[in-house]
């Protein structure tokens, strides 16, 4: 089992390796959504029947993927928002998105 902390530590390296493999493409490039779609497809393939997949309205939330974990018996909830961004050395300041 992998914890969220372990995932947060490992995920940047895995994503970097995927983006580096883009150099093998003769044309085109991976879009930011490529990573979101790959992650979502992995969840869909391995999750149980209680999984519900719904992409958030990105223009409103700034998120590509919201993950909501609910513990039914206790009512505890944990929400994670994932935003895929391709970074480079030139940053224009970006855009603030209200939470």
PDB file of N, CA and C in Angstrom:
ATOM      1  N   UNK A   1       0.838  -1.161   0.000  1.00  0.00           N
ATOM      2  CA  UNK A   1       0.000   0.000   0.000  1.00  0.00           C
ATOM      3  C   UNK A   1       0.894   1.238   0.000  1.00  0.00           C
ATOM      4  N   UNK A   2       0.478   2.253  -0.748  1.00  0.00           N
ATOM      5  CA  UNK A   2       1.212   3.509  -0.820  1.00  0.00           C
ATOM      6  C   UNK A   2       0.410   4.600  -0.126  1.00  0.00           C
ATOM      7  N   UNK A   3       1.067   5.367   0.709  1.00  0.00           N
ATOM      8  CA  UNK A   3       0.389   6.470   1.398  1.00  0.00           C
ATOM      9  C   UNK A   3       0.362   7.698   0.479  1.00  0.00           C
ATOM     10  N   UNK A   4      -0.457   8.686   0.823  1.00  0.00           N
ATOM     11  CA  UNK A   4      -0.497   9.922   0.045  1.00  0.00           C
ATOM     12  C   UNK A   4       0.838  10.648   0.098  1.00  0.00           C
ATOM     13  N   UNK A   5       1.511  10.573   1.241  1.00  0.00           N
ATOM     14  CA  UNK A   5       2.832  11.212   1.355  1.00  0.00           C
ATOM     15  C   UNK A   5       3.837  10.536   0.420  1.00  0.00           C
ATOM     16  N   UNK A   6       3.806   9.211   0.365  1.00  0.00           N
ATOM     17  CA  UNK A   6       4.706   8.498  -0.536  1.00  0.00           C
ATOM     18  C   UNK A   6       4.384   8.826  -1.991  1.00  0.00           C
ATOM     19  N   UNK A   7       3.096   8.897  -2.311  1.00  0.00           N
ATOM     20  CA  UNK A   7       2.682   9.238  -3.666  1.00  0.00           C
ATOM     21  C   UNK A   7       3.164  10.641  -4.040  1.00  0.00           C
ATOM     22  N   UNK A   8       3.014  11.588  -3.118  1.00  0.00           N
ATOM     23  CA  UNK A   8       3.448  12.962  -3.372  1.00  0.00           C
ATOM     24  C   UNK A   8       4.962  13.035  -3.584  1.00  0.00           C
ATOM     25  N   UNK A   9       5.690  12.138  -2.946  1.00  0.00           N
ATOM     26  CA  UNK A   9       7.144  12.106  -3.100  1.00  0.00           C
ATOM     27  C   UNK A   9       7.550  11.469  -4.424  1.00  0.00           C
ATOM     28  N   UNK A  10       6.850  10.396  -4.818  1.00  0.00           N
ATOM     29  CA  UNK A  10       7.220   9.637  -6.015  1.00  0.00           C
ATOM     30  C   UNK A  10       6.643  10.208  -7.306  1.00  0.00           C
ATOM     31  N   UNK A  11       5.483  10.826  -7.219  1.00  0.00           N
ATOM     32  CA  UNK A  11       4.770  11.242  -8.422  1.00  0.00           C
ATOM     33  C   UNK A  11       5.548  12.224  -9.297  1.00  0.00           C
ATOM     34  N   UNK A  12       6.229  13.239  -8.736  1.00  0.00           N
ATOM     35  CA  UNK A  12       6.975  14.146  -9.614  1.00  0.00           C
ATOM     36  C   UNK A  12       8.010  13.428 -10.478  1.00  0.00           C
ATOM     37  N   UNK A  13       8.712  12.455  -9.920  1.00  0.00           N
ATOM     38  CA  UNK A  13       9.691  11.700 -10.702  1.00  0.00           C
ATOM     39  C   UNK A  13       9.051  10.865 -11.796  1.00  0.00           C
ATOM     40  N   UNK A  14       7.914  10.250 -11.473  1.00  0.00           N
ATOM     41  CA  UNK A  14       7.202   9.457 -12.476  1.00  0.00           C
ATOM     42  C   UNK A  14       6.682  10.337 -13.606  1.00  0.00           C
ATOM     43  N   UNK A  15       6.151  11.484 -13.246  1.00  0.00           N
ATOM     44  CA  UNK A  15       5.640  12.412 -14.260  1.00  0.00           C
ATOM     45  C   UNK A  15       6.797  12.936 -15.108  1.00  0.00           C
ATOM     46  N   UNK A  16       7.918  13.236 -14.468  1.00  0.00           N
ATOM     47  CA  UNK A  16       9.097  13.688 -15.203  1.00  0.00           C
ATOM     48  C   UNK A  16       9.563  12.655 -16.217  1.00  0.00           C
ATOM     49  N   UNK A  17       9.555  11.390 -15.815  1.00  0.00           N
ATOM     50  CA  UNK A  17       9.963  10.321 -16.731  1.00  0.00           C
ATOM     51  C   UNK A  17       9.001  10.227 -17.915  1.00  0.00           C
ATOM     52  N   UNK A  18       7.709  10.372 -17.640  1.00  0.00           N
ATOM     53  CA  UNK A  18       6.730  10.337 -18.725  1.00  0.00           C
ATOM     54  C   UNK A  18       6.956  11.503 -19.688  1.00  0.00           C
ATOM     55  N   UNK A  19       7.153  12.706 -19.139  1.00  0.00           N
ATOM     56  CA  UNK A  19       7.379  13.860 -20.001  1.00  0.00           C
ATOM     57  C   UNK A  19       8.690  13.743 -20.772  1.00  0.00           C
ATOM     58  N   UNK A  20       9.704  13.154 -20.155  1.00  0.00           N
ATOM     59  CA  UNK A  20      10.968  12.945 -20.860  1.00  0.00           C
ATOM     60  C   UNK A  20      10.797  11.979 -22.024  1.00  0.00           C
ATOM     61  N   UNK A  21       9.870  11.033 -21.895  1.00  0.00           N
ATOM     62  CA  UNK A  21       9.646  10.076 -22.986  1.00  0.00           C
ATOM     63  C   UNK A  21       8.993  10.743 -24.194  1.00  0.00           C
ATOM     64  N   UNK A  22       8.526  11.969 -24.009  1.00  0.00           N
ATOM     65  CA  UNK A  22       7.959  12.740 -25.120  1.00  0.00           C
ATOM     66  C   UNK A  22       8.985  12.935 -26.231  1.00  0.00           C
ATOM     67  N   UNK A  23      10.264  12.937 -25.876  1.00  0.00           N
ATOM     68  CA  UNK A  23      11.309  13.140 -26.886  1.00  0.00           C
ATOM     69  C   UNK A  23      11.322  12.020 -27.924  1.00  0.00           C
ATOM     70  N   UNK A  24      10.687  10.904 -27.623  1.00  0.00           N
ATOM     71  CA  UNK A  24      10.632   9.783 -28.564  1.00  0.00           C
ATOM     72  C   UNK A  24       9.522   9.957 -29.598  1.00  0.00           C
ATOM     73  N   UNK A  25       8.658  10.948 -29.404  1.00  0.00           N
ATOM     74  CA  UNK A  25       7.595  11.215 -30.370  1.00  0.00           C
ATOM     75  C   UNK A  25       8.174  11.926 -31.582  1.00  0.00           C
ATOM     76  N   UNK A  26       7.762  11.499 -32.765  1.00  0.00           N
ATOM     77  CA  UNK A  26       8.237  12.176 -33.965  1.00  0.00           C
ATOM     78  C   UNK A  26       7.529  13.512 -34.160  1.00  0.00           C
ATOM     79  N   UNK A  27       6.257  13.556 -33.792  1.00  0.00           N
ATOM     80  CA  UNK A  27       5.491  14.794 -33.884  1.00  0.00           C
ATOM     81  C   UNK A  27       4.629  14.921 -32.658  1.00  0.00           C
ATOM     82  N   UNK A  28       4.322  16.154 -32.296  1.00  0.00           N
ATOM     83  CA  UNK A  28       3.416  16.378 -31.189  1.00  0.00           C
ATOM     84  C   UNK A  28       4.106  16.388 -29.847  1.00  0.00           C
ATOM     85  N   UNK A  29       3.288  16.511 -28.832  1.00  0.00           N
ATOM     86  CA  UNK A  29       3.794  16.514 -27.467  1.00  0.00           C
ATOM     87  C   UNK A  29       2.666  16.096 -26.537  1.00  0.00           C
ATOM     88  N   UNK A  30       3.038  15.725 -25.339  1.00  0.00           N
ATOM     89  CA  UNK A  30       2.032  15.403 -24.340  1.00  0.00           C
ATOM     90  C   UNK A  30       1.429  16.704 -23.838  1.00  0.00           C
ATOM     91  N   UNK A  31       0.123  16.723 -23.728  1.00  0.00           N
ATOM     92  CA  UNK A  31      -0.547  17.887 -23.159  1.00  0.00           C
ATOM     93  C   UNK A  31      -0.640  17.688 -21.651  1.00  0.00           C
ATOM     94  N   UNK A  32      -0.957  18.760 -20.947  1.00  0.00           N
ATOM     95  CA  UNK A  32      -1.122  18.657 -19.499  1.00  0.00           C
ATOM     96  C   UNK A  32      -2.198  17.621 -19.160  1.00  0.00           C
ATOM     97  N   UNK A  33      -3.236  17.575 -19.978  1.00  0.00           N
ATOM     98  CA  UNK A  33      -4.333  16.657 -19.719  1.00  0.00           C
ATOM     99  C   UNK A  33      -3.936  15.188 -19.899  1.00  0.00           C
ATOM    100  N   UNK A  34      -2.832  14.937 -20.601  1.00  0.00           N
ATOM    101  CA  UNK A  34      -2.362  13.567 -20.772  1.00  0.00           C
ATOM    102  C   UNK A  34      -2.117  12.918 -19.416  1.00  0.00           C
ATOM    103  N   UNK A  35      -1.513  13.667 -18.502  1.00  0.00           N
ATOM    104  CA  UNK A  35      -1.213  13.127 -17.182  1.00  0.00           C
ATOM    105  C   UNK A  35      -2.493  12.916 -16.380  1.00  0.00           C
ATOM    106  N   UNK A  36      -3.407  13.865 -16.460  1.00  0.00           N
ATOM    107  CA  UNK A  36      -4.683  13.719 -15.752  1.00  0.00           C
ATOM    108  C   UNK A  36      -5.441  12.507 -16.259  1.00  0.00           C
ATOM    109  N   UNK A  37      -5.493  12.359 -17.574  1.00  0.00           N
ATOM    110  CA  UNK A  37      -6.222  11.232 -18.156  1.00  0.00           C
ATOM    111  C   UNK A  37      -5.570   9.895 -17.804  1.00  0.00           C
ATOM    112  N   UNK A  38      -4.249   9.848 -17.796  1.00  0.00           N
ATOM    113  CA  UNK A  38      -3.543   8.617 -17.434  1.00  0.00           C
ATOM    114  C   UNK A  38      -3.824   8.251 -15.978  1.00  0.00           C
ATOM    115  N   UNK A  39      -3.782   9.238 -15.103  1.00  0.00           N
ATOM    116  CA  UNK A  39      -4.053   9.009 -13.684  1.00  0.00           C
ATOM    117  C   UNK A  39      -5.492   8.528 -13.480  1.00  0.00           C
ATOM    118  N   UNK A  40      -6.439   9.187 -14.159  1.00  0.00           N
ATOM    119  CA  UNK A  40      -7.847   8.817 -14.037  1.00  0.00           C
ATOM    120  C   UNK A  40      -8.091   7.412 -14.580  1.00  0.00           C
ATOM    121  N   UNK A  41      -7.482   7.087 -15.701  1.00  0.00           N
ATOM    122  CA  UNK A  41      -7.640   5.747 -16.276  1.00  0.00           C
ATOM    123  C   UNK A  41      -7.090   4.686 -15.336  1.00  0.00           C
ATOM    124  N   UNK A  42      -5.985   4.990 -14.665  1.00  0.00           N
ATOM    125  CA  UNK A  42      -5.421   4.041 -13.695  1.00  0.00           C
ATOM    126  C   UNK A  42      -6.371   3.823 -12.528  1.00  0.00           C
ATOM    127  N   UNK A  43      -6.969   4.910 -12.035  1.00  0.00           N
ATOM    128  CA  UNK A  43      -7.946   4.770 -10.956  1.00  0.00           C
ATOM    129  C   UNK A  43      -9.130   3.928 -11.406  1.00  0.00           C
ATOM    130  N   UNK A  44      -9.628   4.213 -12.587  1.00  0.00           N
ATOM    131  CA  UNK A  44     -10.803   3.495 -13.097  1.00  0.00           C
ATOM    132  C   UNK A  44     -10.509   2.010 -13.282  1.00  0.00           C
ATOM    133  N   UNK A  45      -9.289   1.684 -13.688  1.00  0.00           N
ATOM    134  CA  UNK A  45      -8.947   0.288 -13.941  1.00  0.00           C
ATOM    135  C   UNK A  45      -8.814  -0.524 -12.656  1.00  0.00           C
ATOM    136  N   UNK A  46      -8.374   0.109 -11.579  1.00  0.00           N
ATOM    137  CA  UNK A  46      -8.067  -0.642 -10.369  1.00  0.00           C
ATOM    138  C   UNK A  46      -9.002  -0.389  -9.199  1.00  0.00           C
ATOM    139  N   UNK A  47      -9.895   0.566  -9.314  1.00  0.00           N
ATOM    140  CA  UNK A  47     -10.797   0.885  -8.204  1.00  0.00           C
ATOM    141  C   UNK A  47     -12.004  -0.050  -8.199  1.00  0.00           C
ATOM    142  N   UNK A  48     -12.668  -0.082  -7.088  1.00  0.00           N
ATOM    143  CA  UNK A  48     -13.851  -0.923  -6.942  1.00  0.00           C
ATOM    144  C   UNK A  48     -15.090  -0.255  -7.523  1.00  0.00           C
ATOM    145  N   UNK A  49     -16.235  -0.875  -7.292  1.00  0.00           N
ATOM    146  CA  UNK A  49     -17.481  -0.397  -7.891  1.00  0.00           C
ATOM    147  C   UNK A  49     -17.996   0.918  -7.297  1.00  0.00           C
ATOM    148  N   UNK A  50     -17.431   1.386  -6.197  1.00  0.00           N
ATOM    149  CA  UNK A  50     -17.907   2.617  -5.574  1.00  0.00           C
ATOM    150  C   UNK A  50     -17.221   3.866  -6.117  1.00  0.00           C
ATOM    151  N   UNK A  51     -16.353   3.709  -7.102  1.00  0.00           N
ATOM    152  CA  UNK A  51     -15.650   4.849  -7.665  1.00  0.00           C
ATOM    153  C   UNK A  51     -16.581   5.643  -8.578  1.00  0.00           C
ATOM    154  N   UNK A  52     -16.609   6.950  -8.371  1.00  0.00           N
ATOM    155  CA  UNK A  52     -17.335   7.856  -9.253  1.00  0.00           C
ATOM    156  C   UNK A  52     -16.325   8.851  -9.799  1.00  0.00           C
ATOM    157  N   UNK A  53     -16.247   8.973 -11.111  1.00  0.00           N
ATOM    158  CA  UNK A  53     -15.300   9.884 -11.735  1.00  0.00           C
ATOM    159  C   UNK A  53     -16.076  11.052 -12.333  1.00  0.00           C
ATOM    160  N   UNK A  54     -15.714  12.253 -11.908  1.00  0.00           N
ATOM    161  CA  UNK A  54     -16.315  13.465 -12.443  1.00  0.00           C
ATOM    162  C   UNK A  54     -15.252  14.547 -12.437  1.00  0.00           C
ATOM    163  N   UNK A  55     -14.911  15.048 -13.606  1.00  0.00           N
ATOM    164  CA  UNK A  55     -13.922  16.115 -13.689  1.00  0.00           C
ATOM    165  C   UNK A  55     -14.545  17.415 -13.192  1.00  0.00           C
ATOM    166  N   UNK A  56     -13.787  18.217 -12.435  1.00  0.00           N
ATOM    167  CA  UNK A  56     -14.319  19.495 -11.955  1.00  0.00           C
ATOM    168  C   UNK A  56     -14.361  20.520 -13.089  1.00  0.00           C
ATOM    169  N   UNK A  57     -15.164  21.578 -12.935  1.00  0.00           N
ATOM    170  CA  UNK A  57     -15.156  22.645 -13.942  1.00  0.00           C
ATOM    171  C   UNK A  57     -13.853  23.445 -13.824  1.00  0.00           C
ATOM    172  N   UNK A  58     -12.890  23.157 -14.698  1.00  0.00           N
ATOM    173  CA  UNK A  58     -11.538  23.709 -14.560  1.00  0.00           C
ATOM    174  C   UNK A  58     -11.517  25.236 -14.586  1.00  0.00           C
ATOM    175  N   UNK A  59     -12.343  25.850 -15.418  1.00  0.00           N
ATOM    176  CA  UNK A  59     -12.337  27.311 -15.496  1.00  0.00           C
ATOM    177  C   UNK A  59     -12.732  27.939 -14.158  1.00  0.00           C
ATOM    178  N   UNK A  60     -13.571  27.253 -13.402  1.00  0.00           N
ATOM    179  CA  UNK A  60     -14.040  27.780 -12.111  1.00  0.00           C
ATOM    180  C   UNK A  60     -13.105  27.409 -10.963  1.00  0.00           C
ATOM    181  N   UNK A  61     -12.652  26.153 -10.934  1.00  0.00           N
ATOM    182  CA  UNK A  61     -11.875  25.656  -9.795  1.00  0.00           C
ATOM    183  C   UNK A  61     -10.370  25.697 -10.017  1.00  0.00           C
ATOM    184  N   UNK A  62      -9.928  25.698 -11.272  1.00  0.00           N
ATOM    185  CA  UNK A  62      -8.504  25.624 -11.565  1.00  0.00           C
ATOM    186  C   UNK A  62      -7.963  24.211 -11.500  1.00  0.00           C
ATOM    187  N   UNK A  63      -8.821  23.237 -11.174  1.00  0.00           N
ATOM    188  CA  UNK A  63      -8.368  21.863 -11.018  1.00  0.00           C
ATOM    189  C   UNK A  63      -8.663  21.004 -12.228  1.00  0.00           C
ATOM    190  N   UNK A  64      -7.736  20.105 -12.534  1.00  0.00           N
ATOM    191  CA  UNK A  64      -7.963  19.119 -13.589  1.00  0.00           C
ATOM    192  C   UNK A  64      -8.673  17.892 -13.044  1.00  0.00           C
ATOM    193  N   UNK A  65      -8.445  17.602 -11.770  1.00  0.00           N
ATOM    194  CA  UNK A  65      -9.015  16.396 -11.184  1.00  0.00           C
ATOM    195  C   UNK A  65      -9.200  16.620  -9.692  1.00  0.00           C
ATOM    196  N   UNK A  66     -10.395  16.347  -9.198  1.00  0.00           N
ATOM    197  CA  UNK A  66     -10.673  16.387  -7.759  1.00  0.00           C
ATOM    198  C   UNK A  66     -10.851  14.959  -7.280  1.00  0.00           C
ATOM    199  N   UNK A  67     -10.152  14.609  -6.221  1.00  0.00           N
ATOM    200  CA  UNK A  67     -10.302  13.289  -5.616  1.00  0.00           C
ATOM    201  C   UNK A  67     -10.929  13.481  -4.243  1.00  0.00           C
ATOM    202  N   UNK A  68     -12.066  12.881  -4.028  1.00  0.00           N
ATOM    203  CA  UNK A  68     -12.762  12.953  -2.748  1.00  0.00           C
ATOM    204  C   UNK A  68     -12.792  11.565  -2.139  1.00  0.00           C
ATOM    205  N   UNK A  69     -12.220  11.422  -0.967  1.00  0.00           N
ATOM    206  CA  UNK A  69     -12.223  10.151  -0.253  1.00  0.00           C
ATOM    207  C   UNK A  69     -13.182  10.272   0.924  1.00  0.00           C
ATOM    208  N   UNK A  70     -14.172   9.399   0.976  1.00  0.00           N
ATOM    209  CA  UNK A  70     -15.170   9.413   2.039  1.00  0.00           C
ATOM    210  C   UNK A  70     -15.097   8.109   2.823  1.00  0.00           C
ATOM    211  N   UNK A  71     -15.105   8.194   4.132  1.00  0.00           N
ATOM    212  CA  UNK A  71     -15.252   7.023   4.976  1.00  0.00           C
ATOM    213  C   UNK A  71     -16.714   7.015   5.416  1.00  0.00           C
ATOM    214  N   UNK A  72     -17.479   6.110   4.854  1.00  0.00           N
ATOM    215  CA  UNK A  72     -18.931   6.113   5.015  1.00  0.00           C
ATOM    216  C   UNK A  72     -19.349   6.037   6.486  1.00  0.00           C
ATOM    217  N   UNK A  73     -18.741   5.131   7.239  1.00  0.00           N
ATOM    218  CA  UNK A  73     -19.171   4.930   8.625  1.00  0.00           C
ATOM    219  C   UNK A  73     -18.900   6.143   9.514  1.00  0.00           C
ATOM    220  N   UNK A  74     -17.744   6.764   9.365  1.00  0.00           N
ATOM    221  CA  UNK A  74     -17.395   7.891  10.240  1.00  0.00           C
ATOM    222  C   UNK A  74     -17.808   9.244   9.659  1.00  0.00           C
ATOM    223  N   UNK A  75     -18.032   9.283   8.352  1.00  0.00           N
ATOM    224  CA  UNK A  75     -18.360  10.549   7.708  1.00  0.00           C
ATOM    225  C   UNK A  75     -17.142  11.403   7.416  1.00  0.00           C
ATOM    226  N   UNK A  76     -15.934  10.883   7.700  1.00  0.00           N
ATOM    227  CA  UNK A  76     -14.714  11.647   7.437  1.00  0.00           C
ATOM    228  C   UNK A  76     -14.492  11.760   5.934  1.00  0.00           C
ATOM    229  N   UNK A  77     -13.949  12.916   5.541  1.00  0.00           N
ATOM    230  CA  UNK A  77     -13.744  13.213   4.130  1.00  0.00           C
ATOM    231  C   UNK A  77     -12.377  13.842   3.932  1.00  0.00           C
ATOM    232  N   UNK A  78     -11.726  13.480   2.838  1.00  0.00           N
ATOM    233  CA  UNK A  78     -10.461  14.085   2.445  1.00  0.00           C
ATOM    234  C   UNK A  78     -10.577  14.439   0.973  1.00  0.00           C
ATOM    235  N   UNK A  79     -10.310  15.689   0.644  1.00  0.00           N
ATOM    236  CA  UNK A  79     -10.378  16.123  -0.746  1.00  0.00           C
ATOM    237  C   UNK A  79      -9.024  16.560  -1.252  1.00  0.00           C
ATOM    238  N   UNK A  80      -8.682  16.137  -2.462  1.00  0.00           N
ATOM    239  CA  UNK A  80      -7.431  16.520  -3.103  1.00  0.00           C
ATOM    240  C   UNK A  80      -7.752  17.103  -4.471  1.00  0.00           C
ATOM    241  N   UNK A  81      -7.111  18.188  -4.820  1.00  0.00           N
ATOM    242  CA  UNK A  81      -7.277  18.781  -6.148  1.00  0.00           C
ATOM    243  C   UNK A  81      -5.946  18.679  -6.871  1.00  0.00           C
ATOM    244  N   UNK A  82      -6.000  18.153  -8.082  1.00  0.00           N
ATOM    245  CA  UNK A  82      -4.790  17.994  -8.890  1.00  0.00           C
ATOM    246  C   UNK A  82      -4.891  18.929 -10.090  1.00  0.00           C
ATOM    247  N   UNK A  83      -3.844  19.705 -10.289  1.00  0.00           N
ATOM    248  CA  UNK A  83      -3.762  20.590 -11.446  1.00  0.00           C
ATOM    249  C   UNK A  83      -2.472  20.268 -12.168  1.00  0.00           C
ATOM    250  N   UNK A  84      -2.581  19.813 -13.383  1.00  0.00           N
ATOM    251  CA  UNK A  84      -1.399  19.482 -14.173  1.00  0.00           C
ATOM    252  C   UNK A  84      -0.900  20.746 -14.863  1.00  0.00           C
ATOM    253  N   UNK A  85       0.360  21.066 -14.659  1.00  0.00           N
ATOM    254  CA  UNK A  85       0.966  22.222 -15.306  1.00  0.00           C
ATOM    255  C   UNK A  85       2.344  21.848 -15.804  1.00  0.00           C
ATOM    256  N   UNK A  86       2.631  22.272 -16.996  1.00  0.00           N
ATOM    257  CA  UNK A  86       3.963  22.077 -17.549  1.00  0.00           C
ATOM    258  C   UNK A  86       4.775  23.310 -17.182  1.00  0.00           C
ATOM    259  N   UNK A  87       5.837  23.098 -16.419  1.00  0.00           N
ATOM    260  CA  UNK A  87       6.674  24.214 -15.966  1.00  0.00           C
ATOM    261  C   UNK A  87       7.882  24.373 -16.873  1.00  0.00           C
ATOM    262  N   UNK A  88       8.322  25.597 -16.991  1.00  0.00           N
ATOM    263  CA  UNK A  88       9.572  25.860 -17.677  1.00  0.00           C
ATOM    264  C   UNK A  88      10.260  27.021 -16.968  1.00  0.00           C
ATOM    265  N   UNK A  89      11.435  27.401 -17.459  1.00  0.00           N
ATOM    266  CA  UNK A  89      12.193  28.431 -16.750  1.00  0.00           C
ATOM    267  C   UNK A  89      11.603  29.822 -16.895  1.00  0.00           C
ATOM    268  N   UNK A  90      10.694  30.034 -17.825  1.00  0.00           N
ATOM    269  CA  UNK A  90      10.061  31.343 -18.001  1.00  0.00           C
ATOM    270  C   UNK A  90       8.649  31.282 -17.440  1.00  0.00           C
ATOM    271  N   UNK A  91       8.427  32.017 -16.363  1.00  0.00           N
ATOM    272  CA  UNK A  91       7.115  32.027 -15.709  1.00  0.00           C
ATOM    273  C   UNK A  91       6.534  33.419 -15.827  1.00  0.00           C
ATOM    274  N   UNK A  92       5.302  33.526 -16.290  1.00  0.00           N
ATOM    275  CA  UNK A  92       4.700  34.845 -16.514  1.00  0.00           C
ATOM    276  C   UNK A  92       3.861  35.332 -15.333  1.00  0.00           C
ATOM    277  N   UNK A  93       3.952  34.667 -14.205  1.00  0.00           N
ATOM    278  CA  UNK A  93       3.191  35.083 -13.038  1.00  0.00           C
ATOM    279  C   UNK A  93       1.923  34.308 -12.833  1.00  0.00           C
ATOM    280  N   UNK A  94       1.431  33.649 -13.867  1.00  0.00           N
ATOM    281  CA  UNK A  94       0.262  32.803 -13.717  1.00  0.00           C
ATOM    282  C   UNK A  94      -1.014  33.551 -13.414  1.00  0.00           C
ATOM    283  N   UNK A  95      -2.005  32.822 -12.971  1.00  0.00           N
ATOM    284  CA  UNK A  95      -3.318  33.365 -12.690  1.00  0.00           C
ATOM    285  C   UNK A  95      -3.799  32.814 -11.353  1.00  0.00           C
ATOM    286  N   UNK A  96      -4.304  33.660 -10.496  1.00  0.00           N
ATOM    287  CA  UNK A  96      -4.837  33.222  -9.215  1.00  0.00           C
ATOM    288  C   UNK A  96      -6.247  32.670  -9.416  1.00  0.00           C
ATOM    289  N   UNK A  97      -6.504  31.540  -8.792  1.00  0.00           N
ATOM    290  CA  UNK A  97      -7.826  30.927  -8.847  1.00  0.00           C
ATOM    291  C   UNK A  97      -8.364  30.865  -7.437  1.00  0.00           C
ATOM    292  N   UNK A  98      -9.538  31.470  -7.177  1.00  0.00           N
ATOM    293  CA  UNK A  98     -10.086  31.440  -5.806  1.00  0.00           C
ATOM    294  C   UNK A  98     -10.434  30.022  -5.391  1.00  0.00           C
ATOM    295  N   UNK A  99     -10.220  29.727  -4.113  1.00  0.00           N
ATOM    296  CA  UNK A  99     -10.551  28.394  -3.590  1.00  0.00           C
ATOM    297  C   UNK A  99     -11.943  28.369  -3.038  1.00  0.00           C
TER     298      UNK A  99
END
